[in-house]
């Protein structure tokens, strides 16, 4: 990527750039906190409808930011290809996608094995604040898949294609831009708690590195979607395990 281009110079000194960027950096942490707070207060009867509304809100808000980004970029002479939606370095992109996909699937496999072996309280603690957000039935699973697809496309455009590029140009360093972008990406998932933010930030670093070396967003978008989709499946499985272990505990107590 070329961060000294005239377009980025104009963007860096533009007021609409900073209005959009400040909105991006602040909206998702605040909205995430408020949405999860409301989810915690929902009773079990209305939980599915509340969850589906939150899913829809996440999808619509991320696409709204992407539409605003595309308008802003076009206004300053940047194409979607300049943001990373291109097929440069296709061989390296394929290799990165296959290698990281394999690594993640192996990690997911061992995570499922670990979940099976957990006792009830440890499993409940492992699910943590995400317990009420994860899909628990077919309509929720379909909607969650749409969230995963949206996050894969939109968040990579917003955090890597836009924010990482902008910060890299402004600081004069690709790597400082990468790290700062990953920190902001992690903070956008503050609702997952401190450990969740750290883990998400690390994933953001990986996506950022892939973006730097492949010079496109394709691998990151595929992997981002895969991670979110598989996490939704594993999370649903964990909820089923939790229900099963809870029933076993009740049965043993009665017995």
C-alpha atoms as a PDB file:
ATOM      1  CA  UNK A   1       0.000   0.000   0.000  1.00  0.00           C
ATOM      2  CA  UNK A   2       1.166   3.541  -0.725  1.00  0.00           C
ATOM      3  CA  UNK A   3       0.393   5.775   2.225  1.00  0.00           C
ATOM      4  CA  UNK A   4       1.951   8.953   0.821  1.00  0.00           C
ATOM      5  CA  UNK A   5      -0.540   9.303  -2.045  1.00  0.00           C
ATOM      6  CA  UNK A   6      -2.080  12.724  -2.610  1.00  0.00           C
ATOM      7  CA  UNK A   7      -5.541  11.318  -1.886  1.00  0.00           C
ATOM      8  CA  UNK A   8      -4.534  10.245   1.633  1.00  0.00           C
ATOM      9  CA  UNK A   9      -2.940  13.642   2.264  1.00  0.00           C
ATOM     10  CA  UNK A  10      -6.229  15.320   1.378  1.00  0.00           C
ATOM     11  CA  UNK A  11      -8.174  12.827   3.492  1.00  0.00           C
ATOM     12  CA  UNK A  12      -5.904  13.303   6.515  1.00  0.00           C
ATOM     13  CA  UNK A  13      -6.559  17.047   6.541  1.00  0.00           C
ATOM     14  CA  UNK A  14     -10.286  16.792   5.865  1.00  0.00           C
ATOM     15  CA  UNK A  15     -12.863  17.539   8.567  1.00  0.00           C
ATOM     16  CA  UNK A  16     -15.385  15.018   7.219  1.00  0.00           C
ATOM     17  CA  UNK A  17     -12.679  12.339   7.496  1.00  0.00           C
ATOM     18  CA  UNK A  18     -12.299  12.949  11.199  1.00  0.00           C
ATOM     19  CA  UNK A  19     -16.025  13.244  11.818  1.00  0.00           C
ATOM     20  CA  UNK A  20     -16.472   9.810  10.250  1.00  0.00           C
ATOM     21  CA  UNK A  21     -13.439   8.296  11.992  1.00  0.00           C
ATOM     22  CA  UNK A  22     -14.420   9.581  15.440  1.00  0.00           C
ATOM     23  CA  UNK A  23     -17.930   8.231  14.884  1.00  0.00           C
ATOM     24  CA  UNK A  24     -16.475   4.838  13.872  1.00  0.00           C
ATOM     25  CA  UNK A  25     -14.129   4.655  16.854  1.00  0.00           C
ATOM     26  CA  UNK A  26     -16.773   5.647  19.412  1.00  0.00           C
ATOM     27  CA  UNK A  27     -20.044   4.219  18.061  1.00  0.00           C
ATOM     28  CA  UNK A  28     -19.447   0.471  18.253  1.00  0.00           C
ATOM     29  CA  UNK A  29     -18.038   0.317  21.829  1.00  0.00           C
ATOM     30  CA  UNK A  30     -20.880   2.485  23.133  1.00  0.00           C
ATOM     31  CA  UNK A  31     -23.602   0.770  21.092  1.00  0.00           C
ATOM     32  CA  UNK A  32     -22.238  -2.672  22.024  1.00  0.00           C
ATOM     33  CA  UNK A  33     -22.317  -1.826  25.724  1.00  0.00           C
ATOM     34  CA  UNK A  34     -25.866  -0.468  25.573  1.00  0.00           C
ATOM     35  CA  UNK A  35     -27.182  -3.365  23.487  1.00  0.00           C
ATOM     36  CA  UNK A  36     -25.733  -6.010  25.771  1.00  0.00           C
ATOM     37  CA  UNK A  37     -26.983  -4.166  28.821  1.00  0.00           C
ATOM     38  CA  UNK A  38     -30.502  -4.279  27.376  1.00  0.00           C
ATOM     39  CA  UNK A  39     -30.029  -7.967  26.518  1.00  0.00           C
ATOM     40  CA  UNK A  40     -29.149  -8.779  30.123  1.00  0.00           C
ATOM     41  CA  UNK A  41     -32.424  -7.227  31.259  1.00  0.00           C
ATOM     42  CA  UNK A  42     -34.585  -9.211  28.817  1.00  0.00           C
ATOM     43  CA  UNK A  43     -36.661 -11.981  30.363  1.00  0.00           C
ATOM     44  CA  UNK A  44     -36.450 -15.511  28.967  1.00  0.00           C
ATOM     45  CA  UNK A  45     -39.839 -15.200  27.225  1.00  0.00           C
ATOM     46  CA  UNK A  46     -38.818 -12.183  25.133  1.00  0.00           C
ATOM     47  CA  UNK A  47     -35.145 -13.100  24.765  1.00  0.00           C
ATOM     48  CA  UNK A  48     -35.361 -14.378  21.182  1.00  0.00           C
ATOM     49  CA  UNK A  49     -37.223 -11.313  19.869  1.00  0.00           C
ATOM     50  CA  UNK A  50     -34.815  -8.980  21.692  1.00  0.00           C
ATOM     51  CA  UNK A  51     -31.839 -10.913  20.355  1.00  0.00           C
ATOM     52  CA  UNK A  52     -33.121 -10.801  16.761  1.00  0.00           C
ATOM     53  CA  UNK A  53     -33.668  -7.037  17.015  1.00  0.00           C
ATOM     54  CA  UNK A  54     -30.102  -6.606  18.242  1.00  0.00           C
ATOM     55  CA  UNK A  55     -28.775  -8.806  15.436  1.00  0.00           C
ATOM     56  CA  UNK A  56     -30.678  -6.679  12.900  1.00  0.00           C
ATOM     57  CA  UNK A  57     -29.390  -3.466  14.460  1.00  0.00           C
ATOM     58  CA  UNK A  58     -25.774  -4.676  14.245  1.00  0.00           C
ATOM     59  CA  UNK A  59     -26.154  -5.675  10.597  1.00  0.00           C
ATOM     60  CA  UNK A  60     -27.822  -2.413   9.572  1.00  0.00           C
ATOM     61  CA  UNK A  61     -25.406  -0.192  11.504  1.00  0.00           C
ATOM     62  CA  UNK A  62     -22.304  -1.819  10.020  1.00  0.00           C
ATOM     63  CA  UNK A  63     -23.636  -1.552   6.469  1.00  0.00           C
ATOM     64  CA  UNK A  64     -24.621   2.073   7.150  1.00  0.00           C
ATOM     65  CA  UNK A  65     -21.022   2.842   8.135  1.00  0.00           C
ATOM     66  CA  UNK A  66     -19.730   1.097   5.008  1.00  0.00           C
ATOM     67  CA  UNK A  67     -22.085   3.107   2.778  1.00  0.00           C
ATOM     68  CA  UNK A  68     -20.876   6.298   4.481  1.00  0.00           C
ATOM     69  CA  UNK A  69     -17.268   5.150   3.998  1.00  0.00           C
ATOM     70  CA  UNK A  70     -17.775   4.500   0.291  1.00  0.00           C
ATOM     71  CA  UNK A  71     -19.358   7.933  -0.158  1.00  0.00           C
ATOM     72  CA  UNK A  72     -16.519   9.595   1.765  1.00  0.00           C
ATOM     73  CA  UNK A  73     -13.844   7.699  -0.161  1.00  0.00           C
ATOM     74  CA  UNK A  74     -15.427   8.547  -3.518  1.00  0.00           C
ATOM     75  CA  UNK A  75     -15.628  12.193  -2.487  1.00  0.00           C
ATOM     76  CA  UNK A  76     -11.867  12.225  -1.917  1.00  0.00           C
ATOM     77  CA  UNK A  77     -10.949  10.220  -5.004  1.00  0.00           C
ATOM     78  CA  UNK A  78     -10.408   6.792  -3.452  1.00  0.00           C
ATOM     79  CA  UNK A  79     -11.871   3.706  -5.087  1.00  0.00           C
ATOM     80  CA  UNK A  80     -12.963   0.582  -3.233  1.00  0.00           C
ATOM     81  CA  UNK A  81      -9.859  -1.050  -4.680  1.00  0.00           C
ATOM     82  CA  UNK A  82      -7.701   1.566  -2.926  1.00  0.00           C
ATOM     83  CA  UNK A  83      -9.301   0.439   0.346  1.00  0.00           C
ATOM     84  CA  UNK A  84      -8.261  -3.166  -0.291  1.00  0.00           C
ATOM     85  CA  UNK A  85     -11.107  -4.709  -2.265  1.00  0.00           C
ATOM     86  CA  UNK A  86      -8.892  -5.983  -5.072  1.00  0.00           C
ATOM     87  CA  UNK A  87      -7.241  -9.218  -6.167  1.00  0.00           C
ATOM     88  CA  UNK A  88      -3.580  -8.234  -5.916  1.00  0.00           C
ATOM     89  CA  UNK A  89      -1.106 -10.925  -4.790  1.00  0.00           C
ATOM     90  CA  UNK A  90      -3.654 -13.672  -5.425  1.00  0.00           C
ATOM     91  CA  UNK A  91      -1.201 -16.535  -4.760  1.00  0.00           C
ATOM     92  CA  UNK A  92      -0.149 -15.074  -1.404  1.00  0.00           C
ATOM     93  CA  UNK A  93      -3.802 -14.391  -0.574  1.00  0.00           C
ATOM     94  CA  UNK A  94      -4.766 -18.027  -1.218  1.00  0.00           C
ATOM     95  CA  UNK A  95      -1.834 -19.333   0.831  1.00  0.00           C
ATOM     96  CA  UNK A  96      -2.605 -17.024   3.766  1.00  0.00           C
ATOM     97  CA  UNK A  97      -6.281 -17.974   3.670  1.00  0.00           C
ATOM     98  CA  UNK A  98      -5.644 -21.732   3.583  1.00  0.00           C
ATOM     99  CA  UNK A  99      -2.961 -21.680   6.298  1.00  0.00           C
ATOM    100  CA  UNK A 100      -4.882 -19.483   8.734  1.00  0.00           C
ATOM    101  CA  UNK A 101      -8.161 -21.285   8.028  1.00  0.00           C
ATOM    102  CA  UNK A 102      -6.493 -24.604   8.866  1.00  0.00           C
ATOM    103  CA  UNK A 103      -4.960 -23.208  12.059  1.00  0.00           C
ATOM    104  CA  UNK A 104      -8.291 -21.801  13.190  1.00  0.00           C
ATOM    105  CA  UNK A 105     -10.234 -24.998  12.480  1.00  0.00           C
ATOM    106  CA  UNK A 106      -7.705 -27.028  14.485  1.00  0.00           C
ATOM    107  CA  UNK A 107      -8.077 -24.564  17.371  1.00  0.00           C
ATOM    108  CA  UNK A 108     -11.882 -24.789  17.105  1.00  0.00           C
ATOM    109  CA  UNK A 109     -11.685 -28.598  17.236  1.00  0.00           C
ATOM    110  CA  UNK A 110      -9.654 -28.558  20.437  1.00  0.00           C
ATOM    111  CA  UNK A 111     -11.939 -25.881  21.877  1.00  0.00           C
ATOM    112  CA  UNK A 112     -14.954 -28.157  21.364  1.00  0.00           C
ATOM    113  CA  UNK A 113     -13.111 -31.041  23.022  1.00  0.00           C
ATOM    114  CA  UNK A 114     -12.300 -28.796  25.971  1.00  0.00           C
ATOM    115  CA  UNK A 115     -15.921 -27.669  26.272  1.00  0.00           C
ATOM    116  CA  UNK A 116     -17.083 -31.285  26.483  1.00  0.00           C
ATOM    117  CA  UNK A 117     -14.800 -31.916  29.447  1.00  0.00           C
ATOM    118  CA  UNK A 118     -15.769 -28.812  31.420  1.00  0.00           C
ATOM    119  CA  UNK A 119     -17.849 -29.051  34.550  1.00  0.00           C
ATOM    120  CA  UNK A 120     -21.037 -26.993  34.769  1.00  0.00           C
ATOM    121  CA  UNK A 121     -19.668 -23.961  36.619  1.00  0.00           C
ATOM    122  CA  UNK A 122     -16.548 -23.740  34.487  1.00  0.00           C
ATOM    123  CA  UNK A 123     -18.631 -23.981  31.315  1.00  0.00           C
ATOM    124  CA  UNK A 124     -20.949 -21.237  32.566  1.00  0.00           C
ATOM    125  CA  UNK A 125     -17.926 -19.045  33.336  1.00  0.00           C
ATOM    126  CA  UNK A 126     -16.387 -19.778  29.926  1.00  0.00           C
ATOM    127  CA  UNK A 127     -19.508 -18.544  28.148  1.00  0.00           C
ATOM    128  CA  UNK A 128     -19.518 -15.436  30.317  1.00  0.00           C
ATOM    129  CA  UNK A 129     -21.391 -12.355  29.057  1.00  0.00           C
ATOM    130  CA  UNK A 130     -21.838 -13.880  25.600  1.00  0.00           C
ATOM    131  CA  UNK A 131     -24.251 -16.511  26.889  1.00  0.00           C
ATOM    132  CA  UNK A 132     -27.300 -14.372  26.144  1.00  0.00           C
ATOM    133  CA  UNK A 133     -26.005 -13.166  22.788  1.00  0.00           C
ATOM    134  CA  UNK A 134     -25.213 -16.513  21.139  1.00  0.00           C
ATOM    135  CA  UNK A 135     -27.849 -18.116  18.866  1.00  0.00           C
ATOM    136  CA  UNK A 136     -30.048 -20.664  20.596  1.00  0.00           C
ATOM    137  CA  UNK A 137     -32.519 -21.711  17.877  1.00  0.00           C
ATOM    138  CA  UNK A 138     -32.860 -21.855  14.075  1.00  0.00           C
ATOM    139  CA  UNK A 139     -34.063 -18.255  13.441  1.00  0.00           C
ATOM    140  CA  UNK A 140     -31.292 -16.928  15.672  1.00  0.00           C
ATOM    141  CA  UNK A 141     -28.697 -19.122  13.926  1.00  0.00           C
ATOM    142  CA  UNK A 142     -29.726 -17.825  10.493  1.00  0.00           C
ATOM    143  CA  UNK A 143     -29.557 -14.231  11.708  1.00  0.00           C
ATOM    144  CA  UNK A 144     -26.202 -14.862  13.368  1.00  0.00           C
ATOM    145  CA  UNK A 145     -24.818 -16.206  10.077  1.00  0.00           C
ATOM    146  CA  UNK A 146     -25.824 -12.901   8.484  1.00  0.00           C
ATOM    147  CA  UNK A 147     -23.988 -11.067  11.276  1.00  0.00           C
ATOM    148  CA  UNK A 148     -20.875 -13.150  10.566  1.00  0.00           C
ATOM    149  CA  UNK A 149     -21.072 -12.322   6.856  1.00  0.00           C
ATOM    150  CA  UNK A 150     -21.650  -8.636   7.591  1.00  0.00           C
ATOM    151  CA  UNK A 151     -18.756  -8.491  10.061  1.00  0.00           C
ATOM    152  CA  UNK A 152     -16.437 -10.257   7.645  1.00  0.00           C
ATOM    153  CA  UNK A 153     -17.106  -7.760   4.869  1.00  0.00           C
ATOM    154  CA  UNK A 154     -17.827  -4.541   6.748  1.00  0.00           C
ATOM    155  CA  UNK A 155     -15.429  -4.650   9.694  1.00  0.00           C
ATOM    156  CA  UNK A 156     -12.454  -5.451   7.470  1.00  0.00           C
ATOM    157  CA  UNK A 157     -13.313  -2.509   5.222  1.00  0.00           C
ATOM    158  CA  UNK A 158     -13.831  -0.182   8.177  1.00  0.00           C
ATOM    159  CA  UNK A 159     -10.963  -1.210  10.461  1.00  0.00           C
ATOM    160  CA  UNK A 160      -8.325  -2.401   7.994  1.00  0.00           C
ATOM    161  CA  UNK A 161      -9.199  -0.795   4.654  1.00  0.00           C
ATOM    162  CA  UNK A 162      -9.978   2.575   6.199  1.00  0.00           C
ATOM    163  CA  UNK A 163      -8.680   2.988   9.748  1.00  0.00           C
ATOM    164  CA  UNK A 164      -5.426   1.058   9.432  1.00  0.00           C
ATOM    165  CA  UNK A 165      -4.574   2.833   6.169  1.00  0.00           C
ATOM    166  CA  UNK A 166      -5.452   6.241   7.619  1.00  0.00           C
ATOM    167  CA  UNK A 167      -3.391   5.734  10.782  1.00  0.00           C
ATOM    168  CA  UNK A 168      -0.487   4.295   8.814  1.00  0.00           C
ATOM    169  CA  UNK A 169      -0.407   7.386   6.610  1.00  0.00           C
ATOM    170  CA  UNK A 170      -0.813   9.773   9.549  1.00  0.00           C
ATOM    171  CA  UNK A 171       1.920   8.171  11.671  1.00  0.00           C
ATOM    172  CA  UNK A 172       4.217   7.442   8.751  1.00  0.00           C
ATOM    173  CA  UNK A 173       4.469   3.790   9.782  1.00  0.00           C
ATOM    174  CA  UNK A 174       2.531   0.781   8.469  1.00  0.00           C
ATOM    175  CA  UNK A 175       3.169  -1.105  11.702  1.00  0.00           C
ATOM    176  CA  UNK A 176       2.061   1.666  14.052  1.00  0.00           C
ATOM    177  CA  UNK A 177      -1.106   2.019  11.995  1.00  0.00           C
ATOM    178  CA  UNK A 178      -1.609  -1.738  12.192  1.00  0.00           C
ATOM    179  CA  UNK A 179      -1.229  -1.853  15.989  1.00  0.00           C
ATOM    180  CA  UNK A 180      -3.415   1.195  16.623  1.00  0.00           C
ATOM    181  CA  UNK A 181      -6.090  -0.164  14.300  1.00  0.00           C
ATOM    182  CA  UNK A 182      -6.055  -3.507  16.144  1.00  0.00           C
ATOM    183  CA  UNK A 183      -6.409  -1.731  19.507  1.00  0.00           C
ATOM    184  CA  UNK A 184      -9.450   0.180  18.262  1.00  0.00           C
ATOM    185  CA  UNK A 185     -10.863  -3.033  16.778  1.00  0.00           C
ATOM    186  CA  UNK A 186     -10.453  -4.778  20.133  1.00  0.00           C
ATOM    187  CA  UNK A 187     -12.078  -1.911  22.036  1.00  0.00           C
ATOM    188  CA  UNK A 188     -15.075  -2.170  19.718  1.00  0.00           C
ATOM    189  CA  UNK A 189     -15.755  -5.536  21.378  1.00  0.00           C
ATOM    190  CA  UNK A 190     -15.671  -4.182  24.940  1.00  0.00           C
ATOM    191  CA  UNK A 191     -18.935  -5.992  25.735  1.00  0.00           C
ATOM    192  CA  UNK A 192     -16.943  -9.262  25.754  1.00  0.00           C
ATOM    193  CA  UNK A 193     -14.952  -8.159  28.793  1.00  0.00           C
ATOM    194  CA  UNK A 194     -11.221  -7.528  29.161  1.00  0.00           C
ATOM    195  CA  UNK A 195     -10.145 -10.944  27.898  1.00  0.00           C
ATOM    196  CA  UNK A 196     -12.519 -10.689  24.953  1.00  0.00           C
ATOM    197  CA  UNK A 197     -11.047  -7.326  23.970  1.00  0.00           C
ATOM    198  CA  UNK A 198      -7.504  -8.701  24.183  1.00  0.00           C
ATOM    199  CA  UNK A 199      -8.353 -11.763  22.099  1.00  0.00           C
ATOM    200  CA  UNK A 200     -10.182  -9.668  19.510  1.00  0.00           C
ATOM    201  CA  UNK A 201      -7.288  -7.219  19.395  1.00  0.00           C
ATOM    202  CA  UNK A 202      -4.872 -10.087  18.715  1.00  0.00           C
ATOM    203  CA  UNK A 203      -7.125 -11.335  15.917  1.00  0.00           C
ATOM    204  CA  UNK A 204      -7.153  -7.772  14.580  1.00  0.00           C
ATOM    205  CA  UNK A 205      -3.343  -7.821  14.547  1.00  0.00           C
ATOM    206  CA  UNK A 206      -3.398 -11.034  12.505  1.00  0.00           C
ATOM    207  CA  UNK A 207      -5.887  -9.585  10.021  1.00  0.00           C
ATOM    208  CA  UNK A 208      -3.818  -6.408   9.822  1.00  0.00           C
ATOM    209  CA  UNK A 209      -0.621  -8.333   9.070  1.00  0.00           C
ATOM    210  CA  UNK A 210      -2.399 -10.357   6.383  1.00  0.00           C
ATOM    211  CA  UNK A 211      -3.686  -7.087   4.883  1.00  0.00           C
ATOM    212  CA  UNK A 212      -0.179  -5.583   4.801  1.00  0.00           C
ATOM    213  CA  UNK A 213       1.430  -8.568   3.103  1.00  0.00           C
ATOM    214  CA  UNK A 214      -1.355  -9.464   0.655  1.00  0.00           C
ATOM    215  CA  UNK A 215      -2.294  -5.814  -0.020  1.00  0.00           C
ATOM    216  CA  UNK A 216      -5.981  -6.728  -0.116  1.00  0.00           C
ATOM    217  CA  UNK A 217      -8.837  -7.519   2.257  1.00  0.00           C
ATOM    218  CA  UNK A 218      -9.978 -10.787   0.688  1.00  0.00           C
ATOM    219  CA  UNK A 219      -8.158 -13.245   2.977  1.00  0.00           C
ATOM    220  CA  UNK A 220      -9.088 -11.257   6.081  1.00  0.00           C
ATOM    221  CA  UNK A 221     -12.743 -11.066   5.071  1.00  0.00           C
ATOM    222  CA  UNK A 222     -12.963 -14.801   4.408  1.00  0.00           C
ATOM    223  CA  UNK A 223     -11.241 -15.625   7.699  1.00  0.00           C
ATOM    224  CA  UNK A 224     -13.254 -13.049   9.656  1.00  0.00           C
ATOM    225  CA  UNK A 225     -16.517 -14.532   8.398  1.00  0.00           C
ATOM    226  CA  UNK A 226     -15.290 -18.072   9.113  1.00  0.00           C
ATOM    227  CA  UNK A 227     -14.199 -17.254  12.658  1.00  0.00           C
ATOM    228  CA  UNK A 228     -17.477 -15.518  13.545  1.00  0.00           C
ATOM    229  CA  UNK A 229     -19.601 -18.233  11.919  1.00  0.00           C
ATOM    230  CA  UNK A 230     -17.728 -21.097  13.579  1.00  0.00           C
ATOM    231  CA  UNK A 231     -17.742 -19.280  16.922  1.00  0.00           C
ATOM    232  CA  UNK A 232     -21.513 -19.013  16.572  1.00  0.00           C
ATOM    233  CA  UNK A 233     -21.785 -22.757  15.919  1.00  0.00           C
ATOM    234  CA  UNK A 234     -19.441 -23.629  18.780  1.00  0.00           C
ATOM    235  CA  UNK A 235     -21.267 -21.177  21.040  1.00  0.00           C
ATOM    236  CA  UNK A 236     -24.613 -22.789  20.228  1.00  0.00           C
ATOM    237  CA  UNK A 237     -23.104 -26.187  20.968  1.00  0.00           C
ATOM    238  CA  UNK A 238     -21.783 -24.823  24.282  1.00  0.00           C
ATOM    239  CA  UNK A 239     -25.268 -23.593  25.186  1.00  0.00           C
ATOM    240  CA  UNK A 240     -26.673 -27.073  24.483  1.00  0.00           C
ATOM    241  CA  UNK A 241     -23.958 -28.563  26.689  1.00  0.00           C
ATOM    242  CA  UNK A 242     -24.797 -26.063  29.416  1.00  0.00           C
ATOM    243  CA  UNK A 243     -28.471 -27.010  29.331  1.00  0.00           C
ATOM    244  CA  UNK A 244     -27.615 -30.703  29.332  1.00  0.00           C
ATOM    245  CA  UNK A 245     -25.198 -30.428  32.259  1.00  0.00           C
ATOM    246  CA  UNK A 246     -27.686 -28.258  34.183  1.00  0.00           C
ATOM    247  CA  UNK A 247     -30.401 -30.888  33.744  1.00  0.00           C
ATOM    248  CA  UNK A 248     -27.990 -33.619  34.840  1.00  0.00           C
ATOM    249  CA  UNK A 249     -27.155 -31.628  37.963  1.00  0.00           C
ATOM    250  CA  UNK A 250     -30.851 -31.158  38.773  1.00  0.00           C
ATOM    251  CA  UNK A 251     -31.519 -34.845  38.143  1.00  0.00           C
ATOM    252  CA  UNK A 252     -28.601 -35.873  40.350  1.00  0.00           C
ATOM    253  CA  UNK A 253     -29.809 -33.505  43.062  1.00  0.00           C
ATOM    254  CA  UNK A 254     -33.299 -34.945  42.948  1.00  0.00           C
ATOM    255  CA  UNK A 255     -31.933 -38.469  42.881  1.00  0.00           C
END
